[in-house]
Structures are given as C-alpha cells and as structure tokens.
Amino acid sequence: MAKAQDEETSHGDVTLRVVVAEDQPIMRAALVELLAKDPRFDIVADAGDGAEAERLARQMSPDVLVTDLDMPVQDGVATIASLTQDTPVRCLALSTFGSEEWVLSALRAGASGYVVKHSEPEDIRAAVRACAAEEMTVSPQVVSLLVDQICNESPASRRPPLHDPAEDGQPPALTPRESDVLACLAGGMNNQEIADELHLSVGAVKLYLSKACDRLGARDRVQLLVRGTELGLIQPSLANPETGLARFQ
C-alpha cells in the first residue's frame, strides 16, 4: 500500500471526526468498526453512495472523508472534486488492487491520499491520521504515475488550482531549498526522512512545504506535487526512466 507516515504527535490526543463512504454494507460496517476501535477517531456518519457522502460531509464537517471510488449515484472522484473545491474536508480515497486509473483520478480531483482496502487495520488507521495531518499517503510508484499522466496531457484539460498564485501570467518560482524539500517529497520521503537527507529540523521541513504550497496554490502535499508537475517544475526522470522517480527542474 501507499506509505502512510504515522505522525500521531501532529494531532496529539485530539479526536478526528471521520465520515466513511462505501457502497457495500459489509465493507462499510467493517471500516466503521475498524476505525471506531481507535479512540482518536469519532465516526460521525457513514454513507452508501457518493451523493450521500458529499451531503453528510458538508453537514457534519468532518476532518476526513474516507471514501470508496467506485460508488453509485455519484462516484468517489466527483465527490472528492466537489468537496475539495469549497470545504476544508480532507479526502482519503479507498482503492482496490488494479484500480490505478481510479486512484490517479482521485488524486487529480483533490484527494489527500489513498489506501488499499485490504491493507492491515493499523495501516488504514495510520493513513487516516496522516491524511488529517497533511502527510503523504501516496507511494513513490503512484507519484511517478501521477507525474507521467500530467506530463502527457494537454494543459487545457487540467483542473485549475484552488487559487492561482501566478503573477503576470508567469508561474511562481520556488526557492532552492523549497525545491530540494519538494524533490525529496516526490521520492516518497516523510518529514523525518527529508530532514535527515537535507540536514534540517522536521519543523523546517514543514515550513518549507507550507511555503511551497502557498506559492503554487496547493492545499496539501499531494496537490503540491500535482501543481508542481503542471507548472513544469517536476518532470519524469531522464537519467533512469525505469526507476519512475521524479526529477525537479
């Protein structure tokens, strides 16, 4: 599954409000039970289709919506796209093995990460916590696929940023240190790994990433990678295409 950075200290003992959306009743009940076993989660609602999930998320204002993607009435991608346009709700996409296109579409729509349905229970709980803490829950392999997909499409088909930071038609520039931190992020590193790699404190890493998000008009780290690629700041590696690692310009 995707690497979920388990930074419990980011939220301390604060209870996270969660809405669960899954169309299969047995799977939905299992997810609710799995999350409810952790006292750090308050499952405020659960939904059986995408339209209901969006309605409940807007009504209940959870910290995280955990949603399946292949949903009736309104699919999970449409739900994520709608919620991330005008609410602060973080969306964690649930996927199954072999659902690569669904996952990429969800990330492009605004999901903060994804987790495979059949992951270990603690991995799913860690992914929800990471999503709420604005940590990456996306593997380096998926980052590579995401970068490739964006690079191979026309600019006209891209979703506009939540706010456009460009001035005079020119894309914003990152500082050298922000670019270094972002390059590590694209390689799948968590805060501590980036700090170790660049000899920085974890606090400094978070600050650089926050500034990069502000500059590029991104709401979180996944969307930072999306925007960086759309603006031409990230391209597939030319040195070793088989690795799928991102290269920053």
C-alpha atoms as a PDB file:
ATOM      1  CA  MET A   1       0.000   0.000   0.000  1.00  0.00           C
ATOM      2  CA  ALA A   2       0.993   3.644  -0.020  1.00  0.00           C
ATOM      3  CA  LYS A   3       3.410   4.731   2.619  1.00  0.00           C
ATOM      4  CA  ALA A   4       1.435   6.391   5.401  1.00  0.00           C
ATOM      5  CA  GLN A   5       3.553   8.475   7.714  1.00  0.00           C
ATOM      6  CA  ASP A   6       2.287   7.800  11.208  1.00  0.00           C
ATOM      7  CA  GLU A   7       2.796  11.136  12.909  1.00  0.00           C
ATOM      8  CA  GLU A   8       0.462  10.800  15.833  1.00  0.00           C
ATOM      9  CA  THR A   9       2.039  13.757  17.573  1.00  0.00           C
ATOM     10  CA  SER A  10       0.792  16.049  14.799  1.00  0.00           C
ATOM     11  CA  HIS A  11      -2.678  15.910  16.323  1.00  0.00           C
ATOM     12  CA  GLY A  12      -1.745  14.736  19.802  1.00  0.00           C
ATOM     13  CA  ASP A  13      -4.820  13.327  21.517  1.00  0.00           C
ATOM     14  CA  VAL A  14      -7.287  15.426  19.513  1.00  0.00           C
ATOM     15  CA  THR A  15     -10.200  13.318  18.273  1.00  0.00           C
ATOM     16  CA  LEU A  16     -10.559  13.263  14.499  1.00  0.00           C
ATOM     17  CA  ARG A  17     -14.063  13.429  13.060  1.00  0.00           C
ATOM     18  CA  VAL A  18     -14.480  10.941  10.212  1.00  0.00           C
ATOM     19  CA  VAL A  19     -17.170  10.136   7.636  1.00  0.00           C
ATOM     20  CA  VAL A  20     -16.944   6.721   5.945  1.00  0.00           C
ATOM     21  CA  ALA A  21     -18.385   6.175   2.449  1.00  0.00           C
ATOM     22  CA  GLU A  22     -18.602   2.673   0.969  1.00  0.00           C
ATOM     23  CA  ASP A  23     -21.448   1.185  -1.066  1.00  0.00           C
ATOM     24  CA  GLN A  24     -21.006  -2.414   0.117  1.00  0.00           C
ATOM     25  CA  PRO A  25     -22.748  -2.687   3.518  1.00  0.00           C
ATOM     26  CA  ILE A  26     -20.446  -5.382   4.897  1.00  0.00           C
ATOM     27  CA  MET A  27     -17.299  -3.494   3.910  1.00  0.00           C
ATOM     28  CA  ARG A  28     -18.742  -0.222   5.227  1.00  0.00           C
ATOM     29  CA  ALA A  29     -19.573  -1.790   8.589  1.00  0.00           C
ATOM     30  CA  ALA A  30     -16.095  -3.316   8.771  1.00  0.00           C
ATOM     31  CA  LEU A  31     -14.435   0.036   8.081  1.00  0.00           C
ATOM     32  CA  VAL A  32     -16.560   1.805  10.667  1.00  0.00           C
ATOM     33  CA  GLU A  33     -15.747  -0.870  13.252  1.00  0.00           C
ATOM     34  CA  LEU A  34     -12.053  -0.823  12.362  1.00  0.00           C
ATOM     35  CA  LEU A  35     -11.789   2.938  12.826  1.00  0.00           C
ATOM     36  CA  ALA A  36     -14.073   3.077  15.860  1.00  0.00           C
ATOM     37  CA  LYS A  37     -11.674   0.815  17.763  1.00  0.00           C
ATOM     38  CA  ASP A  38      -9.221   3.720  17.842  1.00  0.00           C
ATOM     39  CA  PRO A  39     -10.287   6.305  20.465  1.00  0.00           C
ATOM     40  CA  ARG A  40      -8.683   9.028  18.356  1.00  0.00           C
ATOM     41  CA  PHE A  41     -11.488   8.689  15.784  1.00  0.00           C
ATOM     42  CA  ASP A  42     -15.103   9.791  16.066  1.00  0.00           C
ATOM     43  CA  ILE A  43     -17.134   8.245  13.233  1.00  0.00           C
ATOM     44  CA  VAL A  44     -19.772  10.932  12.820  1.00  0.00           C
ATOM     45  CA  ALA A  45     -21.573   9.377   9.826  1.00  0.00           C
ATOM     46  CA  ASP A  46     -21.386   6.709   7.134  1.00  0.00           C
ATOM     47  CA  ALA A  47     -22.771   6.727   3.602  1.00  0.00           C
ATOM     48  CA  GLY A  48     -23.670   4.182   0.931  1.00  0.00           C
ATOM     49  CA  ASP A  49     -23.270   6.345  -2.173  1.00  0.00           C
ATOM     50  CA  GLY A  50     -21.273   9.346  -3.325  1.00  0.00           C
ATOM     51  CA  ALA A  51     -24.096  11.878  -3.217  1.00  0.00           C
ATOM     52  CA  GLU A  52     -24.949  10.911   0.355  1.00  0.00           C
ATOM     53  CA  ALA A  53     -21.263  11.072   1.270  1.00  0.00           C
ATOM     54  CA  GLU A  54     -20.994  14.626  -0.037  1.00  0.00           C
ATOM     55  CA  ARG A  55     -24.193  15.701   1.718  1.00  0.00           C
ATOM     56  CA  LEU A  56     -23.070  14.236   5.047  1.00  0.00           C
ATOM     57  CA  ALA A  57     -19.568  15.674   4.726  1.00  0.00           C
ATOM     58  CA  ARG A  58     -20.988  19.143   4.149  1.00  0.00           C
ATOM     59  CA  GLN A  59     -23.446  18.709   7.005  1.00  0.00           C
ATOM     60  CA  MET A  60     -21.094  17.136   9.567  1.00  0.00           C
ATOM     61  CA  SER A  61     -17.850  18.951   8.627  1.00  0.00           C
ATOM     62  CA  PRO A  62     -15.520  16.026   9.405  1.00  0.00           C
ATOM     63  CA  ASP A  63     -11.750  16.271   9.413  1.00  0.00           C
ATOM     64  CA  VAL A  64     -11.523  13.376   6.948  1.00  0.00           C
ATOM     65  CA  LEU A  65     -13.837  11.689   4.468  1.00  0.00           C
ATOM     66  CA  VAL A  66     -12.748   8.105   3.815  1.00  0.00           C
ATOM     67  CA  THR A  67     -14.418   7.184   0.544  1.00  0.00           C
ATOM     68  CA  ASP A  68     -14.560   4.333  -1.910  1.00  0.00           C
ATOM     69  CA  LEU A  69     -14.160   5.476  -5.512  1.00  0.00           C
ATOM     70  CA  ASP A  70     -16.465   3.153  -7.448  1.00  0.00           C
ATOM     71  CA  MET A  71     -19.709   4.376  -5.868  1.00  0.00           C
ATOM     72  CA  PRO A  72     -23.332   4.522  -7.096  1.00  0.00           C
ATOM     73  CA  VAL A  73     -25.300   7.753  -7.753  1.00  0.00           C
ATOM     74  CA  GLN A  74     -22.095   9.813  -7.714  1.00  0.00           C
ATOM     75  CA  ASP A  75     -18.646   8.273  -7.876  1.00  0.00           C
ATOM     76  CA  GLY A  76     -15.985   8.998  -5.299  1.00  0.00           C
ATOM     77  CA  VAL A  77     -13.894  11.088  -7.675  1.00  0.00           C
ATOM     78  CA  ALA A  78     -16.779  13.513  -8.269  1.00  0.00           C
ATOM     79  CA  THR A  79     -17.438  13.674  -4.527  1.00  0.00           C
ATOM     80  CA  ILE A  80     -13.796  14.474  -3.811  1.00  0.00           C
ATOM     81  CA  ALA A  81     -13.646  17.111  -6.559  1.00  0.00           C
ATOM     82  CA  SER A  82     -16.737  18.865  -5.226  1.00  0.00           C
ATOM     83  CA  LEU A  83     -15.715  18.842  -1.565  1.00  0.00           C
ATOM     84  CA  THR A  84     -12.143  19.984  -2.107  1.00  0.00           C
ATOM     85  CA  GLN A  85     -13.281  22.992  -4.125  1.00  0.00           C
ATOM     86  CA  ASP A  86     -15.036  24.756  -1.266  1.00  0.00           C
ATOM     87  CA  THR A  87     -14.623  22.863   2.034  1.00  0.00           C
ATOM     88  CA  PRO A  88     -11.628  22.097   4.285  1.00  0.00           C
ATOM     89  CA  VAL A  89     -12.522  18.377   4.418  1.00  0.00           C
ATOM     90  CA  ARG A  90      -9.558  16.113   3.679  1.00  0.00           C
ATOM     91  CA  CYS A  91     -10.416  13.173   1.443  1.00  0.00           C
ATOM     92  CA  LEU A  92      -8.770   9.764   1.674  1.00  0.00           C
ATOM     93  CA  ALA A  93      -9.559   7.522  -1.295  1.00  0.00           C
ATOM     94  CA  LEU A  94     -10.164   3.815  -0.802  1.00  0.00           C
ATOM     95  CA  SER A  95      -8.931   1.685  -3.674  1.00  0.00           C
ATOM     96  CA  THR A  96      -8.685  -1.953  -4.667  1.00  0.00           C
ATOM     97  CA  PHE A  97      -5.770  -3.683  -6.319  1.00  0.00           C
ATOM     98  CA  GLY A  98      -5.699  -2.950 -10.040  1.00  0.00           C
ATOM     99  CA  SER A  99      -7.585   0.360  -9.737  1.00  0.00           C
ATOM    100  CA  GLU A 100      -4.709   2.564 -10.856  1.00  0.00           C
ATOM    101  CA  GLU A 101      -6.822   4.871 -13.037  1.00  0.00           C
ATOM    102  CA  TRP A 102      -9.337   5.429 -10.243  1.00  0.00           C
ATOM    103  CA  VAL A 103      -6.557   6.334  -7.823  1.00  0.00           C
ATOM    104  CA  LEU A 104      -4.876   8.772 -10.200  1.00  0.00           C
ATOM    105  CA  SER A 105      -8.225  10.400 -10.987  1.00  0.00           C
ATOM    106  CA  ALA A 106      -8.950  10.788  -7.271  1.00  0.00           C
ATOM    107  CA  LEU A 107      -5.577  12.397  -6.602  1.00  0.00           C
ATOM    108  CA  ARG A 108      -6.063  14.766  -9.519  1.00  0.00           C
ATOM    109  CA  ALA A 109      -9.527  15.616  -8.171  1.00  0.00           C
ATOM    110  CA  GLY A 110      -8.085  16.712  -4.839  1.00  0.00           C
ATOM    111  CA  ALA A 111      -7.705  13.622  -2.639  1.00  0.00           C
ATOM    112  CA  SER A 112      -5.028  13.990   0.010  1.00  0.00           C
ATOM    113  CA  GLY A 113      -4.039  10.350  -0.348  1.00  0.00           C
ATOM    114  CA  TYR A 114      -5.227   6.810  -0.856  1.00  0.00           C
ATOM    115  CA  VAL A 115      -5.175   3.476   0.905  1.00  0.00           C
ATOM    116  CA  VAL A 116      -5.816  -0.030  -0.401  1.00  0.00           C
ATOM    117  CA  LYS A 117      -8.978  -1.557   1.064  1.00  0.00           C
ATOM    118  CA  HIS A 118      -7.324  -4.799   2.074  1.00  0.00           C
ATOM    119  CA  SER A 119      -4.480  -3.164   3.970  1.00  0.00           C
ATOM    120  CA  GLU A 120      -3.727  -4.094   7.551  1.00  0.00           C
ATOM    121  CA  PRO A 121      -6.101  -2.363  10.010  1.00  0.00           C
ATOM    122  CA  GLU A 122      -3.374  -0.239  11.580  1.00  0.00           C
ATOM    123  CA  ASP A 123      -2.173   0.849   8.129  1.00  0.00           C
ATOM    124  CA  ILE A 124      -5.666   2.129   7.343  1.00  0.00           C
ATOM    125  CA  ARG A 125      -5.889   3.953  10.667  1.00  0.00           C
ATOM    126  CA  ALA A 126      -2.419   5.420  10.117  1.00  0.00           C
ATOM    127  CA  ALA A 127      -3.457   6.605   6.646  1.00  0.00           C
ATOM    128  CA  VAL A 128      -6.459   8.453   8.099  1.00  0.00           C
ATOM    129  CA  ARG A 129      -4.270  10.127  10.720  1.00  0.00           C
ATOM    130  CA  ALA A 130      -1.682  11.029   8.087  1.00  0.00           C
ATOM    131  CA  CYS A 131      -4.368  12.477   5.831  1.00  0.00           C
ATOM    132  CA  ALA A 132      -5.669  14.691   8.641  1.00  0.00           C
ATOM    133  CA  ALA A 133      -2.118  15.784   9.459  1.00  0.00           C
ATOM    134  CA  GLU A 134      -1.490  16.697   5.797  1.00  0.00           C
ATOM    135  CA  GLU A 135       1.106  13.951   5.492  1.00  0.00           C
ATOM    136  CA  MET A 136       1.660  11.940   2.318  1.00  0.00           C
ATOM    137  CA  THR A 137      -0.262   8.688   1.951  1.00  0.00           C
ATOM    138  CA  VAL A 138       0.937   8.074  -1.592  1.00  0.00           C
ATOM    139  CA  SER A 139       3.709   5.685  -2.608  1.00  0.00           C
ATOM    140  CA  PRO A 140       6.655   6.739  -4.813  1.00  0.00           C
ATOM    141  CA  GLN A 141       5.291   4.471  -7.560  1.00  0.00           C
ATOM    142  CA  VAL A 142       1.982   6.327  -7.619  1.00  0.00           C
ATOM    143  CA  VAL A 143       3.806   9.671  -7.554  1.00  0.00           C
ATOM    144  CA  SER A 144       5.665   8.532 -10.673  1.00  0.00           C
ATOM    145  CA  LEU A 145       2.436   7.510 -12.414  1.00  0.00           C
ATOM    146  CA  LEU A 146       0.835  10.808 -11.452  1.00  0.00           C
ATOM    147  CA  VAL A 147       3.727  12.840 -12.863  1.00  0.00           C
ATOM    148  CA  ASP A 148       3.732  10.830 -16.098  1.00  0.00           C
ATOM    149  CA  GLN A 149      -0.022  11.258 -16.554  1.00  0.00           C
ATOM    150  CA  ILE A 150       0.108  15.030 -16.115  1.00  0.00           C
ATOM    151  CA  CYS A 151       3.127  15.417 -18.396  1.00  0.00           C
ATOM    152  CA  ASN A 152       1.343  13.517 -21.169  1.00  0.00           C
ATOM    153  CA  GLU A 153      -1.859  15.556 -21.176  1.00  0.00           C
ATOM    154  CA  SER A 154      -2.764  18.915 -22.653  1.00  0.00           C
ATOM    155  CA  PRO A 155      -2.773  21.960 -20.334  1.00  0.00           C
ATOM    156  CA  ALA A 156      -6.378  22.721 -21.358  1.00  0.00           C
ATOM    157  CA  SER A 157      -7.619  19.521 -19.692  1.00  0.00           C
ATOM    158  CA  ARG A 158      -6.152  20.341 -16.291  1.00  0.00           C
ATOM    159  CA  ARG A 159      -8.197  21.341 -13.280  1.00  0.00           C
ATOM    160  CA  PRO A 160      -7.483  24.937 -12.183  1.00  0.00           C
ATOM    161  CA  PRO A 161      -5.822  25.442  -8.774  1.00  0.00           C
ATOM    162  CA  LEU A 162      -7.941  26.437  -5.782  1.00  0.00           C
ATOM    163  CA  HIS A 163      -6.283  29.834  -6.049  1.00  0.00           C
ATOM    164  CA  ASP A 164      -3.951  30.895  -8.830  1.00  0.00           C
ATOM    165  CA  PRO A 165      -0.651  32.248  -7.476  1.00  0.00           C
ATOM    166  CA  ALA A 166       0.732  33.180 -10.902  1.00  0.00           C
ATOM    167  CA  GLU A 167       1.584  36.821 -11.485  1.00  0.00           C
ATOM    168  CA  ASP A 168       1.564  38.465 -14.907  1.00  0.00           C
ATOM    169  CA  GLY A 169       0.951  35.071 -16.474  1.00  0.00           C
ATOM    170  CA  GLN A 170       4.239  33.725 -15.116  1.00  0.00           C
ATOM    171  CA  PRO A 171       4.275  30.631 -12.890  1.00  0.00           C
ATOM    172  CA  PRO A 172       5.597  31.208  -9.362  1.00  0.00           C
ATOM    173  CA  ALA A 173       9.131  30.108  -8.562  1.00  0.00           C
ATOM    174  CA  LEU A 174      10.240  28.051  -5.594  1.00  0.00           C
ATOM    175  CA  THR A 175      13.356  28.851  -3.617  1.00  0.00           C
ATOM    176  CA  PRO A 176      16.252  26.391  -3.981  1.00  0.00           C
ATOM    177  CA  ARG A 177      15.579  24.934  -0.535  1.00  0.00           C
ATOM    178  CA  GLU A 178      11.849  24.570  -1.231  1.00  0.00           C
ATOM    179  CA  SER A 179      12.738  22.727  -4.430  1.00  0.00           C
ATOM    180  CA  ASP A 180      15.087  20.430  -2.512  1.00  0.00           C
ATOM    181  CA  VAL A 181      12.383  19.574   0.013  1.00  0.00           C
ATOM    182  CA  LEU A 182       9.817  19.035  -2.719  1.00  0.00           C
ATOM    183  CA  ALA A 183      12.181  16.737  -4.614  1.00  0.00           C
ATOM    184  CA  CYS A 184      12.515  14.570  -1.517  1.00  0.00           C
ATOM    185  CA  LEU A 185       8.743  14.559  -1.108  1.00  0.00           C
ATOM    186  CA  ALA A 186       8.357  13.339  -4.688  1.00  0.00           C
ATOM    187  CA  GLY A 187      10.706  10.496  -3.817  1.00  0.00           C
ATOM    188  CA  GLY A 188       8.256   9.279  -1.187  1.00  0.00           C
ATOM    189  CA  MET A 189      10.089  10.576   1.878  1.00  0.00           C
ATOM    190  CA  ASN A 190       8.297  11.577   5.066  1.00  0.00           C
ATOM    191  CA  ASN A 191       9.180  14.613   7.180  1.00  0.00           C
ATOM    192  CA  GLN A 192      11.852  12.871   9.227  1.00  0.00           C
ATOM    193  CA  GLU A 193      13.480  11.315   6.168  1.00  0.00           C
ATOM    194  CA  ILE A 194      13.547  14.681   4.383  1.00  0.00           C
ATOM    195  CA  ALA A 195      15.022  16.310   7.478  1.00  0.00           C
ATOM    196  CA  ASP A 196      17.740  13.661   7.684  1.00  0.00           C
ATOM    197  CA  GLU A 197      18.510  13.900   3.965  1.00  0.00           C
ATOM    198  CA  LEU A 198      18.804  17.703   3.934  1.00  0.00           C
ATOM    199  CA  HIS A 199      20.151  18.142   7.487  1.00  0.00           C
ATOM    200  CA  LEU A 200      17.152  20.178   8.568  1.00  0.00           C
ATOM    201  CA  SER A 201      14.780  20.034  11.502  1.00  0.00           C
ATOM    202  CA  VAL A 202      11.353  18.479  10.974  1.00  0.00           C
ATOM    203  CA  GLY A 203       9.859  21.877  11.754  1.00  0.00           C
ATOM    204  CA  ALA A 204      11.889  23.476   8.972  1.00  0.00           C
ATOM    205  CA  VAL A 205      10.735  20.792   6.512  1.00  0.00           C
ATOM    206  CA  LYS A 206       7.102  21.508   7.365  1.00  0.00           C
ATOM    207  CA  LEU A 207       7.687  25.238   6.952  1.00  0.00           C
ATOM    208  CA  TYR A 208       9.300  24.846   3.519  1.00  0.00           C
ATOM    209  CA  LEU A 209       6.479  22.587   2.344  1.00  0.00           C
ATOM    210  CA  SER A 210       3.872  25.017   3.652  1.00  0.00           C
ATOM    211  CA  LYS A 211       5.534  27.899   1.814  1.00  0.00           C
ATOM    212  CA  ALA A 212       5.724  25.832  -1.381  1.00  0.00           C
ATOM    213  CA  CYS A 213       2.007  25.053  -1.089  1.00  0.00           C
ATOM    214  CA  ASP A 214       1.241  28.755  -0.730  1.00  0.00           C
ATOM    215  CA  ARG A 215       3.394  29.663  -3.723  1.00  0.00           C
ATOM    216  CA  LEU A 216       1.819  27.060  -6.006  1.00  0.00           C
ATOM    217  CA  GLY A 217      -1.767  27.369  -4.809  1.00  0.00           C
ATOM    218  CA  ALA A 218      -1.918  23.835  -3.381  1.00  0.00           C
ATOM    219  CA  ARG A 219      -3.927  22.765  -0.345  1.00  0.00           C
ATOM    220  CA  ASP A 220      -1.718  19.830   0.661  1.00  0.00           C
ATOM    221  CA  ARG A 221       1.297  17.782  -0.334  1.00  0.00           C
ATOM    222  CA  VAL A 222      -0.345  15.610  -2.959  1.00  0.00           C
ATOM    223  CA  GLN A 223      -1.776  18.671  -4.669  1.00  0.00           C
ATOM    224  CA  LEU A 224       1.630  20.333  -4.351  1.00  0.00           C
ATOM    225  CA  LEU A 225       3.069  17.540  -6.497  1.00  0.00           C
ATOM    226  CA  VAL A 226       0.193  17.904  -8.973  1.00  0.00           C
ATOM    227  CA  ARG A 227       0.669  21.667  -9.287  1.00  0.00           C
ATOM    228  CA  GLY A 228       4.450  21.393  -9.463  1.00  0.00           C
ATOM    229  CA  THR A 229       4.153  18.993 -12.379  1.00  0.00           C
ATOM    230  CA  GLU A 230       1.528  21.092 -14.162  1.00  0.00           C
ATOM    231  CA  LEU A 231       3.801  24.128 -13.894  1.00  0.00           C
ATOM    232  CA  GLY A 232       6.756  22.211 -15.322  1.00  0.00           C
ATOM    233  CA  LEU A 233       8.712  22.157 -12.067  1.00  0.00           C
ATOM    234  CA  ILE A 234       8.664  18.349 -11.943  1.00  0.00           C
ATOM    235  CA  GLN A 235       9.303  16.006 -14.839  1.00  0.00           C
ATOM    236  CA  PRO A 236       9.854  12.247 -15.151  1.00  0.00           C
ATOM    237  CA  SER A 237      13.465  11.280 -14.577  1.00  0.00           C
ATOM    238  CA  LEU A 238      15.561  11.453 -17.725  1.00  0.00           C
ATOM    239  CA  ALA A 239      18.531   9.748 -16.114  1.00  0.00           C
ATOM    240  CA  ASN A 240      16.802   6.470 -15.362  1.00  0.00           C
ATOM    241  CA  PRO A 241      13.206   6.297 -16.663  1.00  0.00           C
ATOM    242  CA  GLU A 242      12.776   2.765 -15.308  1.00  0.00           C
ATOM    243  CA  THR A 243      13.001   3.968 -11.718  1.00  0.00           C
ATOM    244  CA  GLY A 244       9.986   6.222 -12.112  1.00  0.00           C
ATOM    245  CA  LEU A 245      11.499   8.766  -9.729  1.00  0.00           C
ATOM    246  CA  ALA A 246      10.653  12.414 -10.245  1.00  0.00           C
ATOM    247  CA  ARG A 247      13.256  14.979 -11.211  1.00  0.00           C
ATOM    248  CA  PHE A 248      12.928  18.661 -10.324  1.00  0.00           C
ATOM    249  CA  GLN A 249      13.897  21.415 -12.717  1.00  0.00           C
END
